[in-house]
Protein backbone atom coordinates (compact mmCIF):
# COMPACT_ATOMS: atom_id res chain seq x y z
CA MET A 1 -30.78 23.89 -4.62
CA PRO A 2 -29.03 27.18 -5.89
CA PRO A 3 -25.55 27.22 -5.91
CA SER A 4 -25.38 30.11 -3.54
CA LEU A 5 -27.67 28.45 -1.01
CA THR A 6 -25.40 25.19 -1.27
CA VAL A 7 -22.29 27.32 -0.37
CA LEU A 8 -24.26 28.75 2.44
CA HIS A 9 -25.16 25.49 3.79
CA SER A 10 -21.80 23.90 3.62
CA LEU A 11 -20.22 26.92 5.36
CA LEU A 12 -22.86 26.33 8.17
CA LEU A 13 -22.28 22.75 8.60
CA PHE A 14 -18.46 23.03 8.67
CA THR A 15 -18.71 25.75 11.09
CA THR A 16 -20.98 23.90 13.35
CA THR A 17 -18.63 20.76 13.13
CA PHE A 18 -15.70 22.84 13.64
CA ILE A 19 -17.20 24.45 17.01
CA ALA A 20 -18.29 21.16 18.06
CA GLY A 21 -14.84 19.61 18.17
CA VAL A 22 -16.23 16.53 16.13
CA ILE A 23 -13.33 16.12 13.81
CA VAL A 24 -9.98 14.74 14.73
CA TRP A 25 -7.78 17.08 12.53
CA GLN A 26 -4.29 15.18 12.64
CA GLN A 27 -6.11 11.85 11.35
CA ALA A 28 -8.38 14.06 8.97
CA ILE A 29 -5.43 15.88 7.42
CA LEU A 30 -3.65 12.63 7.13
CA MET A 31 -6.31 10.89 5.22
CA ALA A 32 -6.64 13.89 3.01
CA VAL A 33 -3.14 13.87 2.17
CA GLY A 34 -3.12 10.01 1.46
CA GLY A 35 -6.26 10.13 -0.56
CA SER A 36 -5.30 13.14 -2.80
CA LEU A 37 -1.84 11.33 -3.45
CA GLY A 38 -3.41 7.91 -3.92
CA GLY A 39 -5.85 9.37 -6.28
CA TYR A 40 -3.21 11.38 -8.22
CA LEU A 41 -0.89 8.06 -8.50
CA SER A 42 -3.44 5.65 -9.42
CA ALA A 43 -4.71 8.02 -12.18
CA HIS A 44 -1.11 8.41 -13.37
CA TYR A 45 -0.43 4.73 -13.51
CA ALA A 46 -3.87 3.79 -14.77
CA ARG A 47 -3.24 5.74 -17.95
CA LYS A 48 -0.36 3.76 -18.67
CA LEU A 49 -2.36 0.46 -18.48
CA LYS A 50 -4.45 -1.12 -20.96
CA PRO A 51 -8.10 -0.10 -20.53
CA GLN A 52 -9.52 -3.60 -20.60
CA LEU A 53 -7.10 -4.50 -17.59
CA ILE A 54 -8.62 -1.37 -15.63
CA ARG A 55 -12.15 -2.37 -16.57
CA LYS A 56 -11.68 -5.98 -15.25
CA PHE A 57 -10.05 -4.72 -12.16
CA VAL A 58 -12.67 -2.30 -11.32
CA ILE A 59 -15.23 -4.97 -12.01
CA PHE A 60 -13.62 -7.50 -9.57
CA VAL A 61 -13.20 -4.78 -6.71
CA ALA A 62 -16.76 -3.93 -7.13
CA PHE A 63 -18.10 -7.62 -7.28
CA SER A 64 -15.82 -8.28 -4.34
CA MET A 65 -17.07 -5.53 -2.22
CA THR A 66 -20.87 -6.29 -2.88
CA ILE A 67 -20.16 -10.01 -1.81
CA TYR A 68 -18.35 -8.74 1.46
CA PHE A 69 -20.99 -6.33 2.42
CA PHE A 70 -23.75 -8.91 1.32
CA ILE A 71 -22.33 -11.46 3.60
CA HIS A 72 -21.09 -9.19 6.51
CA GLY A 73 -23.96 -6.35 6.07
């Protein structure tokens, strides 16, 4: 899909979602701020740790989530 069509599609979807009142804006803004702050701080502190530790942590979390969703899915 060409980039201009992608932008038009995104604007159309946002407009219809906004008009329909589907989004609870107070919660959405809080989640956006929390996600941005968490992403920034995680990257900041992850750069100070050993790459091996980060790799093991990511593998552990991915494996744990896979098992959880396999059991509860």
